[in-house]
């Protein structure tokens, strides 16, 4: 019974967030602590917080620190003419061409 509930919540989370080019977000959900917990387990809690307009100061701060660190590393690598690729740095990517 619990397994079915988890599956239903996972499907609800996917439909809330959507998948670019595959599933449009179908729900305009209010914040739900249980769904945020599931989103955190799946490392998409920032996207869930953005979709529910419930991004807190700590989450936003962590995101900003991560973006700043990526920019610093990129600037150092570019300044030294080092070819590089960043992947799986920030989840989820809003769009992948």
Protein backbone atom coordinates (compact mmCIF):
# COMPACT_ATOMS: atom_id res chain seq x y z
CA UNK A 1 0.00 0.00 0.00
CA UNK A 2 2.82 2.44 0.85
CA UNK A 3 4.57 1.51 -2.39
CA UNK A 4 1.51 2.57 -4.41
CA UNK A 5 1.31 5.85 -2.53
CA UNK A 6 4.97 6.60 -3.28
CA UNK A 7 4.42 5.79 -6.96
CA UNK A 8 1.36 8.06 -7.09
CA UNK A 9 3.29 10.88 -5.44
CA UNK A 10 6.19 10.39 -7.84
CA UNK A 11 3.83 10.65 -10.79
CA UNK A 12 2.21 13.73 -9.25
CA UNK A 13 5.65 15.30 -8.76
CA UNK A 14 6.60 14.62 -12.40
CA UNK A 15 3.31 16.08 -13.59
CA UNK A 16 3.77 19.10 -11.35
CA UNK A 17 7.27 19.82 -12.63
CA UNK A 18 6.94 18.51 -16.16
CA UNK A 19 9.68 17.10 -18.37
CA UNK A 20 10.88 19.42 -21.16
CA UNK A 21 9.69 18.27 -24.60
CA UNK A 22 7.90 15.26 -23.07
CA UNK A 23 5.42 16.24 -20.35
CA UNK A 24 4.07 19.74 -19.83
CA UNK A 25 3.53 20.60 -16.19
CA UNK A 26 -0.11 19.71 -15.62
CA UNK A 27 -0.62 20.92 -12.10
CA UNK A 28 -0.32 24.34 -10.56
CA UNK A 29 0.11 22.96 -7.08
CA UNK A 30 0.35 24.72 -3.78
CA UNK A 31 3.33 23.83 -1.64
CA UNK A 32 3.07 20.42 0.02
CA UNK A 33 5.71 19.36 2.58
CA UNK A 34 5.41 15.70 1.57
CA UNK A 35 5.94 16.57 -2.08
CA UNK A 36 8.92 18.76 -1.15
CA UNK A 37 10.40 15.81 0.75
CA UNK A 38 9.98 13.63 -2.36
CA UNK A 39 11.44 16.39 -4.54
CA UNK A 40 14.43 16.66 -2.18
CA UNK A 41 15.01 12.90 -2.37
CA UNK A 42 15.03 13.23 -6.17
CA UNK A 43 17.27 16.31 -6.05
CA UNK A 44 14.69 18.53 -7.75
CA UNK A 45 13.64 20.49 -4.66
CA UNK A 46 14.76 23.83 -6.11
CA UNK A 47 12.55 23.31 -9.14
CA UNK A 48 9.64 22.22 -6.93
CA UNK A 49 10.10 25.30 -4.73
CA UNK A 50 10.11 27.53 -7.81
CA UNK A 51 6.99 25.87 -9.24
CA UNK A 52 5.11 26.32 -5.98
CA UNK A 53 6.41 29.87 -5.36
CA UNK A 54 7.80 28.72 -2.04
CA UNK A 55 11.54 29.18 -2.30
CA UNK A 56 13.06 29.90 1.08
CA UNK A 57 16.07 32.02 1.89
CA UNK A 58 18.36 29.06 2.63
CA UNK A 59 17.56 27.24 -0.60
CA UNK A 60 17.98 30.43 -2.65
CA UNK A 61 21.27 31.17 -0.88
CA UNK A 62 22.64 27.68 -1.62
CA UNK A 63 21.65 28.07 -5.26
CA UNK A 64 23.32 31.49 -5.49
CA UNK A 65 26.53 30.18 -3.88
CA UNK A 66 26.62 27.28 -6.36
CA UNK A 67 26.12 29.59 -9.35
CA UNK A 68 28.84 31.93 -8.07
CA UNK A 69 31.29 29.03 -7.61
CA UNK A 70 30.59 27.75 -11.13
CA UNK A 71 31.21 31.22 -12.55
CA UNK A 72 34.50 31.54 -10.66
CA UNK A 73 35.74 28.16 -11.86
CA UNK A 74 34.67 28.95 -15.42
CA UNK A 75 36.48 32.30 -15.34
CA UNK A 76 39.69 30.67 -14.08
CA UNK A 77 39.56 27.94 -16.72
CA UNK A 78 38.77 30.45 -19.49
CA UNK A 79 41.55 32.79 -18.38
CA UNK A 80 44.00 29.89 -18.63
CA UNK A 81 42.60 28.77 -22.01
CA UNK A 82 41.64 25.37 -20.62
CA UNK A 83 38.91 23.52 -22.48
CA UNK A 84 36.30 22.13 -20.13
CA UNK A 85 32.74 20.93 -19.87
CA UNK A 86 30.47 21.13 -16.86
CA UNK A 87 27.78 18.53 -16.44
CA UNK A 88 25.38 17.45 -13.73
CA UNK A 89 26.20 20.57 -11.77
CA UNK A 90 22.78 22.01 -11.07
CA UNK A 91 19.68 19.88 -11.03
CA UNK A 92 17.40 20.04 -12.74
CA UNK A 93 18.37 21.67 -15.95
CA UNK A 94 15.40 23.70 -17.15
CA UNK A 95 16.23 23.01 -20.77
CA UNK A 96 18.62 20.75 -22.64
CA UNK A 97 18.82 21.35 -26.40
